[in-house]
Amino acid sequence: MKKDIMVSVLCPTYNHEAFIGDAIEGVLSQKTEFKYELIIHEDASTDRTAEIVKEYADRYPELIRVIWQKENQFSKYDIMGKYMLPLVRGRYFALCEGDDYWTDDRKLQKQIDFLESHQDYSMCMHNAVKLDMRTGEKVLLDTFPRDGTYSQEEQIKAGLGSDFPATASYVFRTDLYLEMPSFFSEPRIIDYFLRQYYASRGKVYYFQKPMSVYRVMVPNSYKTKTVENQAFCNEHTINTIRFMEKLDVYTEGKYHELLEGKTESDYFGYCTSIDKEAGIKKALERDMNLERIQKCYDCLDVLRLSSSVIEISLASENLFIYGTSRLAMICRQQMENAGVEFKGFVVSDGQIGPKILEGKKIYHLQEVIDRFRNPGFILAVQPVNADVIAEYLEEKHMVNYCMPYRLEKER
């Protein structure tokens, strides 16, 4: 580490010509009492990203260092661990991907002031605005409700669903990274995994004030690739399953139930996205838990209907499928094949989306509670979400529900 540099800002970029200027300007605008540097990884973009990066690098040679690639590396490696982190010279490092940007010119100063005066904290982060590039809609992520310290358990939960902190909000202590076990960086995208390591090494502080913008549905972004490219998504799912199983061992089983819910969800995600023969073949090649894979495919067999679904259908007067994902579509097919009728689909209150799915109406939960006598619910959702929904149903005194898509137990 170079002693006079306090923070190294890491900015991976690929085909971000419309956004990279915002990312760089957000870093350059920082008003600090210390020196910082910007390390950009230009991953062989096919648009004008490299040209824009070069213009900035030529203009600010004392501040910007660029890693130039002739071939795209993201498809092969964890670029953060392989190329960027070894070049860090700061006592701390921060992240800002090329399609995100910082909005507060005192962001770094605030975060470093906190970490410098709280040596028992390993990292800190903050709220962000989520910008949907398809619609232009802006909403606050609001991962946590207020300023404060959030535990390892809360860090694990933040990211299992959609309530995750923005990558561009992270600031880490560099020395702790040097001691990080290798399995934390095995996935090619490591923001969630990196945060779990740091949460295991010290306290994590969260500022409720939004100080960056997180763009979603950006062409060529990681999240967009996982949606559009199923093979890419399957590979990421396998890596995540491996990571969660190793994290369970690393944390000595303290968060086993929580991690198990995520792992189960990923097994179901894998099995709903690839046919059984190909899925089992790939599982064997990647040394996955074949017994769990087989159980998933058994649960998803369209000619099979869980006894718990039959019980709920008999105990309720109006039956609903809770969820609208691929699991819900499989549940519908299973029920239709078994001759079990249902009224429609249910989503959580406030969820925005279509009103009709496969010819059936989509209801919000409160509407069902208000309108229908003795409703029953088949929770056709990922296991990581099922327990939360079940708790909410019980708070509403809705006791007729089942969770047929579980590996360890059906409820």
Protein backbone atom coordinates (compact mmCIF):
# COMPACT_ATOMS: atom_id res chain seq x y z
CA MET A 1 0.00 0.00 0.00
CA LYS A 2 1.21 3.48 -0.83
CA LYS A 3 1.12 5.44 2.41
CA ASP A 4 -0.04 8.77 0.97
CA ILE A 5 -3.09 7.26 -0.77
CA MET A 6 -6.02 6.72 1.57
CA VAL A 7 -8.57 5.18 -0.85
CA SER A 8 -8.36 3.23 -4.09
CA VAL A 9 -11.62 3.40 -6.04
CA LEU A 10 -12.22 0.38 -8.29
CA CYS A 11 -14.32 0.83 -11.42
CA PRO A 12 -14.85 -2.20 -13.70
CA THR A 13 -16.42 -1.24 -17.02
CA TYR A 14 -17.59 -2.87 -20.24
CA ASN A 15 -19.71 -1.27 -22.98
CA HIS A 16 -20.72 1.61 -20.72
CA GLU A 17 -20.21 4.47 -23.18
CA ALA A 18 -23.47 6.13 -22.08
CA PHE A 19 -22.63 5.85 -18.39
CA ILE A 20 -18.88 5.73 -17.73
CA GLY A 21 -18.56 9.52 -17.79
CA ASP A 22 -21.03 9.79 -14.90
CA ALA A 23 -19.11 7.15 -12.92
CA ILE A 24 -15.76 8.90 -13.40
CA GLU A 25 -17.15 12.39 -12.74
CA GLY A 26 -18.74 11.16 -9.50
CA VAL A 27 -15.31 10.02 -8.31
CA LEU A 28 -13.48 13.14 -9.53
CA SER A 29 -15.99 15.39 -7.75
CA GLN A 30 -15.07 14.06 -4.31
CA LYS A 31 -13.97 16.71 -1.80
CA THR A 32 -11.56 15.02 0.58
CA GLU A 33 -8.80 15.82 3.06
CA PHE A 34 -6.79 12.86 1.76
CA LYS A 35 -5.47 11.47 -1.51
CA TYR A 36 -7.35 8.86 -3.47
CA GLU A 37 -6.92 7.10 -6.81
CA LEU A 38 -9.24 5.65 -9.43
CA ILE A 39 -8.42 2.26 -10.95
CA ILE A 40 -10.49 1.46 -14.05
CA HIS A 41 -10.65 -2.01 -15.59
CA GLU A 42 -11.60 -1.55 -19.27
CA ASP A 43 -12.72 -5.02 -20.33
CA ALA A 44 -12.28 -4.81 -24.14
CA SER A 45 -15.47 -2.84 -24.79
CA THR A 46 -16.85 -2.86 -28.32
CA ASP A 47 -18.35 0.63 -28.08
CA ARG A 48 -16.73 4.00 -27.22
CA THR A 49 -16.10 3.19 -23.54
CA ALA A 50 -12.33 2.75 -24.00
CA GLU A 51 -12.08 6.03 -25.89
CA ILE A 52 -13.90 7.91 -23.12
CA VAL A 53 -11.78 6.26 -20.42
CA LYS A 54 -8.58 7.22 -22.27
CA GLU A 55 -9.69 10.85 -22.49
CA TYR A 56 -10.13 11.00 -18.72
CA ALA A 57 -6.91 9.06 -18.03
CA ASP A 58 -4.92 11.46 -20.22
CA ARG A 59 -6.51 14.43 -18.47
CA TYR A 60 -5.92 13.11 -14.93
CA PRO A 61 -2.78 10.93 -15.11
CA GLU A 62 -1.93 11.51 -11.44
CA LEU A 63 -5.35 10.24 -10.36
CA ILE A 64 -6.46 7.57 -12.85
CA ARG A 65 -4.83 4.23 -13.63
CA VAL A 66 -6.33 1.99 -16.31
CA ILE A 67 -6.10 -1.76 -16.83
CA TRP A 68 -6.59 -2.30 -20.57
CA GLN A 69 -7.79 -5.67 -21.84
CA LYS A 70 -7.54 -6.92 -25.42
CA GLU A 71 -10.03 -9.72 -24.77
CA ASN A 72 -13.02 -9.68 -22.44
CA GLN A 73 -11.99 -11.19 -19.10
CA PHE A 74 -15.27 -11.19 -17.18
CA SER A 75 -16.36 -14.37 -18.96
CA LYS A 76 -13.22 -16.11 -17.67
CA TYR A 77 -12.24 -14.69 -14.29
CA ASP A 78 -13.16 -12.75 -11.18
CA ILE A 79 -11.74 -9.52 -12.59
CA MET A 80 -11.84 -7.74 -9.25
CA GLY A 81 -9.65 -10.32 -7.54
CA LYS A 82 -7.40 -11.15 -10.48
CA TYR A 83 -6.71 -7.70 -11.93
CA MET A 84 -7.95 -4.84 -9.76
CA LEU A 85 -7.41 -5.60 -6.09
CA PRO A 86 -3.71 -6.50 -6.53
CA LEU A 87 -3.15 -2.89 -7.71
CA VAL A 88 -4.78 -1.25 -4.69
CA ARG A 89 -2.46 1.21 -2.94
CA GLY A 90 -4.94 2.73 -0.49
CA ARG A 91 -5.57 1.86 3.13
CA TYR A 92 -9.18 1.44 2.01
CA PHE A 93 -10.84 0.54 -1.28
CA ALA A 94 -14.23 1.57 -2.63
CA LEU A 95 -16.32 0.25 -5.52
CA CYS A 96 -18.20 1.99 -8.33
CA GLU A 97 -19.06 -0.04 -11.41
CA GLY A 98 -19.05 1.77 -14.74
CA ASP A 99 -22.84 1.98 -15.04
CA ASP A 100 -23.36 3.40 -11.53
CA TYR A 101 -22.33 6.77 -10.12
CA TRP A 102 -21.85 8.72 -6.89
CA THR A 103 -24.07 11.72 -6.14
CA ASP A 104 -22.58 13.16 -2.93
CA ASP A 105 -19.23 14.95 -3.21
CA ARG A 106 -18.49 14.23 0.47
CA LYS A 107 -19.30 10.52 0.25
CA LEU A 108 -15.73 9.26 0.59
CA GLN A 109 -14.85 11.74 3.32
CA LYS A 110 -17.90 10.72 5.39
CA GLN A 111 -17.18 7.02 5.07
CA ILE A 112 -13.45 7.29 5.74
CA ASP A 113 -14.02 9.60 8.73
CA PHE A 114 -16.28 6.94 10.19
CA LEU A 115 -13.90 4.03 9.60
CA GLU A 116 -10.87 5.97 10.85
CA SER A 117 -12.64 6.70 14.13
CA HIS A 118 -14.18 3.23 14.52
CA GLN A 119 -11.41 0.67 14.18
CA ASP A 120 -13.70 -2.25 15.06
CA TYR A 121 -15.67 -1.71 11.83
CA SER A 122 -14.48 -3.62 8.77
CA MET A 123 -16.54 -1.74 6.17
CA CYS A 124 -19.37 0.73 5.70
CA MET A 125 -22.01 1.38 3.06
CA HIS A 126 -25.00 3.61 2.39
CA ASN A 127 -28.41 3.89 0.81
CA ALA A 128 -28.79 4.46 -2.95
CA VAL A 129 -31.31 5.39 -5.61
CA LYS A 130 -32.30 2.55 -7.96
CA LEU A 131 -32.82 3.78 -11.53
CA ASP A 132 -34.67 1.49 -13.95
CA MET A 133 -33.19 2.17 -17.40
CA ARG A 134 -36.30 0.83 -19.16
CA THR A 135 -38.83 3.08 -17.47
CA GLY A 136 -36.78 5.89 -15.92
CA GLU A 137 -38.38 5.12 -12.55
CA LYS A 138 -36.32 6.05 -9.48
CA VAL A 139 -36.84 4.47 -6.06
CA LEU A 140 -34.75 4.29 -2.90
CA LEU A 141 -33.22 0.89 -2.20
CA ASP A 142 -33.70 1.41 1.57
CA THR A 143 -31.90 -1.84 2.41
CA PHE A 144 -31.98 -0.98 6.10
CA PRO A 145 -34.38 1.40 7.90
CA ARG A 146 -31.89 3.77 9.57
CA ASP A 147 -28.27 4.69 10.23
CA GLY A 148 -26.60 2.04 12.31
CA THR A 149 -24.66 -1.18 12.72
CA TYR A 150 -26.00 -4.30 11.01
CA SER A 151 -24.93 -7.82 11.99
CA GLN A 152 -23.62 -10.72 9.94
CA GLU A 153 -27.10 -12.26 9.98
CA GLU A 154 -28.61 -9.04 8.65
CA GLN A 155 -25.89 -8.84 5.99
CA ILE A 156 -26.70 -12.37 4.84
CA LYS A 157 -30.40 -11.50 4.60
CA ALA A 158 -29.63 -8.31 2.66
CA GLY A 159 -29.20 -9.81 -0.77
CA LEU A 160 -31.18 -13.02 -0.51
CA GLY A 161 -34.14 -11.21 -2.00
CA SER A 162 -34.19 -7.79 -3.60
CA ASP A 163 -33.26 -5.66 -0.57
CA PHE A 164 -29.53 -5.52 -1.14
CA PRO A 165 -27.17 -2.59 -0.60
CA ALA A 166 -25.70 -0.97 -3.71
CA THR A 167 -22.18 -2.02 -4.69
CA ALA A 168 -21.23 1.61 -5.29
CA SER A 169 -21.81 2.29 -1.59
CA TYR A 170 -19.11 -0.07 -0.27
CA VAL A 171 -15.86 1.03 1.39
CA PHE A 172 -13.57 -1.70 2.81
CA ARG A 173 -10.35 -1.95 4.82
CA THR A 174 -7.66 -3.23 2.45
CA ASP A 175 -5.59 -5.15 5.02
CA LEU A 176 -8.49 -7.50 5.78
CA TYR A 177 -8.83 -8.41 2.11
CA LEU A 178 -5.28 -9.77 2.14
CA GLU A 179 -6.40 -12.39 4.69
CA MET A 180 -9.57 -13.44 2.86
CA PRO A 181 -10.05 -17.18 2.16
CA SER A 182 -10.06 -17.91 -1.57
CA PHE A 183 -13.61 -19.29 -1.75
CA PHE A 184 -15.03 -15.79 -1.20
CA SER A 185 -13.68 -14.73 -4.58
CA GLU A 186 -14.46 -17.88 -6.59
CA PRO A 187 -17.66 -16.43 -8.13
CA ARG A 188 -16.93 -14.00 -10.96
CA ILE A 189 -18.99 -11.26 -9.37
CA ILE A 190 -18.09 -10.87 -5.72
CA ASP A 191 -19.94 -7.90 -4.21
CA TYR A 192 -22.32 -10.01 -2.06
CA PHE A 193 -19.62 -12.51 -1.21
CA LEU A 194 -17.08 -9.83 -0.32
CA ARG A 195 -19.61 -8.23 2.03
CA GLN A 196 -20.14 -11.53 3.84
CA TYR A 197 -16.41 -11.88 4.47
CA TYR A 198 -16.11 -8.36 5.84
CA ALA A 199 -19.19 -8.86 8.03
CA SER A 200 -17.41 -11.88 9.53
CA ARG A 201 -14.30 -9.78 10.30
CA GLY A 202 -15.87 -6.79 12.03
CA LYS A 203 -18.89 -4.56 12.37
CA VAL A 204 -20.61 -3.05 9.32
CA TYR A 205 -22.08 0.45 9.38
CA TYR A 206 -24.88 1.74 7.12
CA PHE A 207 -25.68 5.36 6.32
CA GLN A 208 -29.36 5.84 5.47
CA LYS A 209 -28.61 8.85 3.29
CA PRO A 210 -28.52 7.91 -0.43
CA MET A 211 -25.15 8.88 -1.94
CA SER A 212 -25.12 6.98 -5.24
CA VAL A 213 -27.31 5.78 -8.11
CA TYR A 214 -27.64 2.10 -9.01
CA ARG A 215 -28.80 1.54 -12.58
CA VAL A 216 -30.79 -1.63 -13.33
CA MET A 217 -31.68 -3.29 -16.65
CA VAL A 218 -28.58 -1.88 -18.30
CA PRO A 219 -27.64 -3.71 -21.55
CA ASN A 220 -24.59 -5.98 -21.05
CA SER A 221 -24.71 -5.60 -17.26
CA TYR A 222 -24.23 -8.66 -15.08
CA LYS A 223 -27.85 -8.71 -13.90
CA THR A 224 -29.17 -8.30 -17.43
CA LYS A 225 -26.93 -11.13 -18.62
CA THR A 226 -28.28 -13.47 -15.95
CA VAL A 227 -31.82 -12.71 -17.11
CA GLU A 228 -31.11 -12.98 -20.85
CA ASN A 229 -28.52 -15.76 -20.90
CA GLN A 230 -29.78 -18.86 -19.11
CA ALA A 231 -26.46 -20.72 -19.35
CA PHE A 232 -24.74 -17.75 -17.73
CA CYS A 233 -27.42 -17.70 -15.03
CA ASN A 234 -27.07 -21.44 -14.37
CA GLU A 235 -23.31 -21.10 -13.94
CA HIS A 236 -23.77 -18.26 -11.47
CA THR A 237 -26.37 -20.30 -9.56
CA ILE A 238 -23.96 -23.23 -9.24
CA ASN A 239 -21.23 -20.91 -7.96
CA THR A 240 -23.63 -19.35 -5.46
CA ILE A 241 -24.72 -22.76 -4.15
CA ARG A 242 -21.08 -23.73 -3.64
CA PHE A 243 -20.39 -20.43 -1.88
CA MET A 244 -23.36 -20.69 0.50
CA GLU A 245 -22.40 -24.22 1.48
CA LYS A 246 -18.83 -23.11 2.20
CA LEU A 247 -20.01 -20.00 4.06
CA ASP A 248 -22.11 -22.25 6.30
CA VAL A 249 -18.96 -24.16 7.25
CA TYR A 250 -16.89 -20.97 7.58
CA THR A 251 -19.42 -19.43 9.99
CA GLU A 252 -19.60 -22.71 11.95
CA GLY A 253 -23.29 -23.25 11.28
CA LYS A 254 -24.40 -20.08 13.10
CA TYR A 255 -26.61 -19.07 10.18
CA HIS A 256 -27.40 -22.53 8.86
CA GLU A 257 -31.17 -22.12 8.56
CA LEU A 258 -30.82 -18.79 6.78
CA LEU A 259 -28.17 -20.05 4.37
CA GLU A 260 -30.12 -23.25 3.83
CA GLY A 261 -33.11 -21.24 2.64
CA LYS A 262 -30.96 -19.48 0.06
CA THR A 263 -29.29 -22.72 -1.03
CA GLU A 264 -32.66 -24.45 -1.44
CA SER A 265 -33.88 -21.51 -3.50
CA ASP A 266 -30.88 -21.76 -5.78
CA TYR A 267 -31.37 -25.52 -6.24
CA PHE A 268 -34.96 -24.86 -7.31
CA GLY A 269 -33.84 -21.96 -9.49
CA TYR A 270 -31.36 -24.26 -11.20
CA CYS A 271 -33.85 -27.10 -11.71
CA THR A 272 -36.64 -24.87 -13.07
CA SER A 273 -34.29 -23.44 -15.69
CA ILE A 274 -32.76 -26.60 -17.14
CA ASP A 275 -34.43 -29.87 -18.11
CA LYS A 276 -33.88 -32.88 -15.88
CA GLU A 277 -31.51 -34.89 -18.07
CA ALA A 278 -29.24 -31.93 -18.83
CA GLY A 279 -29.49 -30.67 -15.25
CA ILE A 280 -28.38 -33.95 -13.71
CA LYS A 281 -25.57 -34.32 -16.25
CA LYS A 282 -24.26 -30.85 -15.42
CA ALA A 283 -24.67 -31.51 -11.69
CA LEU A 284 -22.47 -34.60 -12.01
CA GLU A 285 -19.86 -32.64 -13.97
CA ARG A 286 -19.77 -29.90 -11.31
CA ASP A 287 -19.86 -32.28 -8.33
CA MET A 288 -23.13 -30.85 -7.00
CA ASN A 289 -25.30 -32.60 -4.41
CA LEU A 290 -27.08 -35.08 -6.68
CA GLU A 291 -29.56 -36.16 -4.01
CA ARG A 292 -30.79 -32.59 -3.61
CA ILE A 293 -30.97 -32.08 -7.37
CA GLN A 294 -33.07 -35.24 -7.71
CA LYS A 295 -35.41 -34.12 -4.90
CA CYS A 296 -35.91 -30.80 -6.66
CA TYR A 297 -36.83 -32.46 -9.93
CA ASP A 298 -39.22 -34.77 -8.07
CA CYS A 299 -40.94 -31.73 -6.50
CA LEU A 300 -41.20 -30.12 -9.94
CA ASP A 301 -42.58 -33.18 -11.76
CA VAL A 302 -45.76 -31.93 -13.46
CA LEU A 303 -47.38 -35.36 -12.99
CA ARG A 304 -46.87 -35.14 -9.23
CA LEU A 305 -48.95 -33.14 -6.75
CA SER A 306 -47.85 -32.78 -3.15
CA SER A 307 -50.22 -34.19 -0.54
CA SER A 308 -49.97 -30.85 1.27
CA VAL A 309 -51.59 -29.12 -1.73
CA ILE A 310 -54.45 -31.62 -1.71
CA GLU A 311 -54.95 -31.07 2.04
CA ILE A 312 -55.13 -27.28 1.64
CA SER A 313 -57.52 -27.60 -1.30
CA LEU A 314 -59.88 -29.64 0.88
CA ALA A 315 -59.55 -27.33 3.90
CA SER A 316 -60.26 -24.07 2.03
CA GLU A 317 -63.20 -22.73 0.04
CA ASN A 318 -61.14 -20.59 -2.33
CA LEU A 319 -57.70 -21.77 -3.40
CA PHE A 320 -54.91 -19.49 -4.67
CA ILE A 321 -51.35 -19.91 -5.92
CA TYR A 322 -49.08 -17.43 -4.14
CA GLY A 323 -46.46 -16.26 -6.65
CA THR A 324 -46.12 -15.63 -10.38
CA SER A 325 -42.67 -17.09 -11.16
CA ARG A 326 -41.72 -20.30 -12.94
CA LEU A 327 -42.53 -22.22 -9.75
CA ALA A 328 -46.07 -20.84 -9.88
CA MET A 329 -46.43 -21.98 -13.50
CA ILE A 330 -45.25 -25.47 -12.58
CA CYS A 331 -47.64 -25.50 -9.60
CA ARG A 332 -50.52 -24.56 -11.90
CA GLN A 333 -49.66 -27.38 -14.30
CA GLN A 334 -49.42 -29.90 -11.46
CA MET A 335 -52.81 -28.83 -10.09
CA GLU A 336 -54.51 -28.87 -13.49
CA ASN A 337 -53.12 -32.34 -14.22
CA ALA A 338 -54.53 -33.51 -10.88
CA GLY A 339 -57.89 -31.82 -11.46
CA VAL A 340 -57.49 -29.34 -8.59
CA GLU A 341 -59.08 -25.96 -9.34
CA PHE A 342 -57.88 -22.57 -8.08
CA LYS A 343 -59.22 -19.00 -8.24
CA GLY A 344 -56.08 -17.15 -9.31
CA PHE A 345 -52.61 -15.98 -8.38
CA VAL A 346 -51.62 -13.84 -5.39
CA VAL A 347 -48.78 -11.35 -4.96
CA SER A 348 -47.73 -9.32 -1.94
CA ASP A 349 -49.50 -6.02 -1.29
CA GLY A 350 -47.95 -3.14 -3.19
CA GLN A 351 -46.27 -5.32 -5.82
CA ILE A 352 -46.59 -3.79 -9.28
CA GLY A 353 -47.11 -5.94 -12.36
CA PRO A 354 -49.65 -7.45 -14.77
CA LYS A 355 -53.24 -8.08 -13.70
CA ILE A 356 -53.74 -11.34 -15.59
CA LEU A 357 -51.47 -14.39 -15.90
CA GLU A 358 -52.23 -17.39 -18.09
CA GLY A 359 -55.90 -16.36 -18.14
CA LYS A 360 -56.15 -16.13 -14.35
CA LYS A 361 -56.47 -12.92 -12.34
CA ILE A 362 -53.57 -11.77 -10.15
CA TYR A 363 -54.77 -10.51 -6.77
CA HIS A 364 -53.01 -8.60 -4.03
CA LEU A 365 -53.10 -10.47 -0.74
CA GLN A 366 -55.30 -7.98 1.11
CA GLU A 367 -57.85 -8.11 -1.70
CA VAL A 368 -58.10 -11.89 -1.28
CA ILE A 369 -58.48 -11.57 2.50
CA ASP A 370 -61.21 -8.94 2.10
CA ARG A 371 -63.18 -10.61 -0.71
CA PHE A 372 -62.93 -14.38 -0.34
CA ARG A 373 -64.25 -16.66 2.33
CA ASN A 374 -61.82 -19.15 3.92
CA PRO A 375 -58.98 -18.77 1.37
CA GLY A 376 -56.12 -21.24 1.05
CA PHE A 377 -52.67 -20.50 -0.34
CA ILE A 378 -50.13 -22.68 -2.15
CA LEU A 379 -46.80 -20.88 -1.66
CA ALA A 380 -45.19 -21.41 -5.07
CA VAL A 381 -42.23 -19.19 -4.22
CA GLN A 382 -38.56 -19.76 -3.56
CA PRO A 383 -37.84 -21.26 -0.10
CA VAL A 384 -35.88 -18.15 0.91
CA ASN A 385 -39.12 -16.16 0.60
CA ALA A 386 -41.63 -18.80 1.72
CA ASP A 387 -41.04 -18.49 5.47
CA VAL A 388 -41.39 -14.70 5.36
CA ILE A 389 -44.69 -14.98 3.48
CA ALA A 390 -45.91 -17.69 5.86
CA GLU A 391 -45.19 -15.44 8.85
CA TYR A 392 -47.12 -12.62 7.24
CA LEU A 393 -50.09 -14.89 6.48
CA GLU A 394 -50.22 -15.99 10.11
CA GLU A 395 -50.14 -12.37 11.25
CA LYS A 396 -53.25 -11.93 9.09
CA HIS A 397 -54.76 -15.05 10.74
CA MET A 398 -54.53 -16.98 7.47
CA VAL A 399 -53.66 -20.53 8.51
CA ASN A 400 -54.58 -22.50 5.38
CA TYR A 401 -51.34 -22.53 3.44
CA CYS A 402 -48.63 -24.96 2.43
CA MET A 403 -45.07 -24.79 1.14
CA PRO A 404 -44.66 -27.75 -1.22
CA TYR A 405 -41.40 -26.58 -2.78
CA ARG A 406 -38.97 -27.44 0.00
CA LEU A 407 -36.14 -29.94 0.04
CA GLU A 408 -35.88 -30.69 3.73
CA LYS A 409 -39.56 -30.59 4.55
CA GLU A 410 -42.87 -29.82 2.93
CA ARG A 411 -45.23 -27.68 4.97
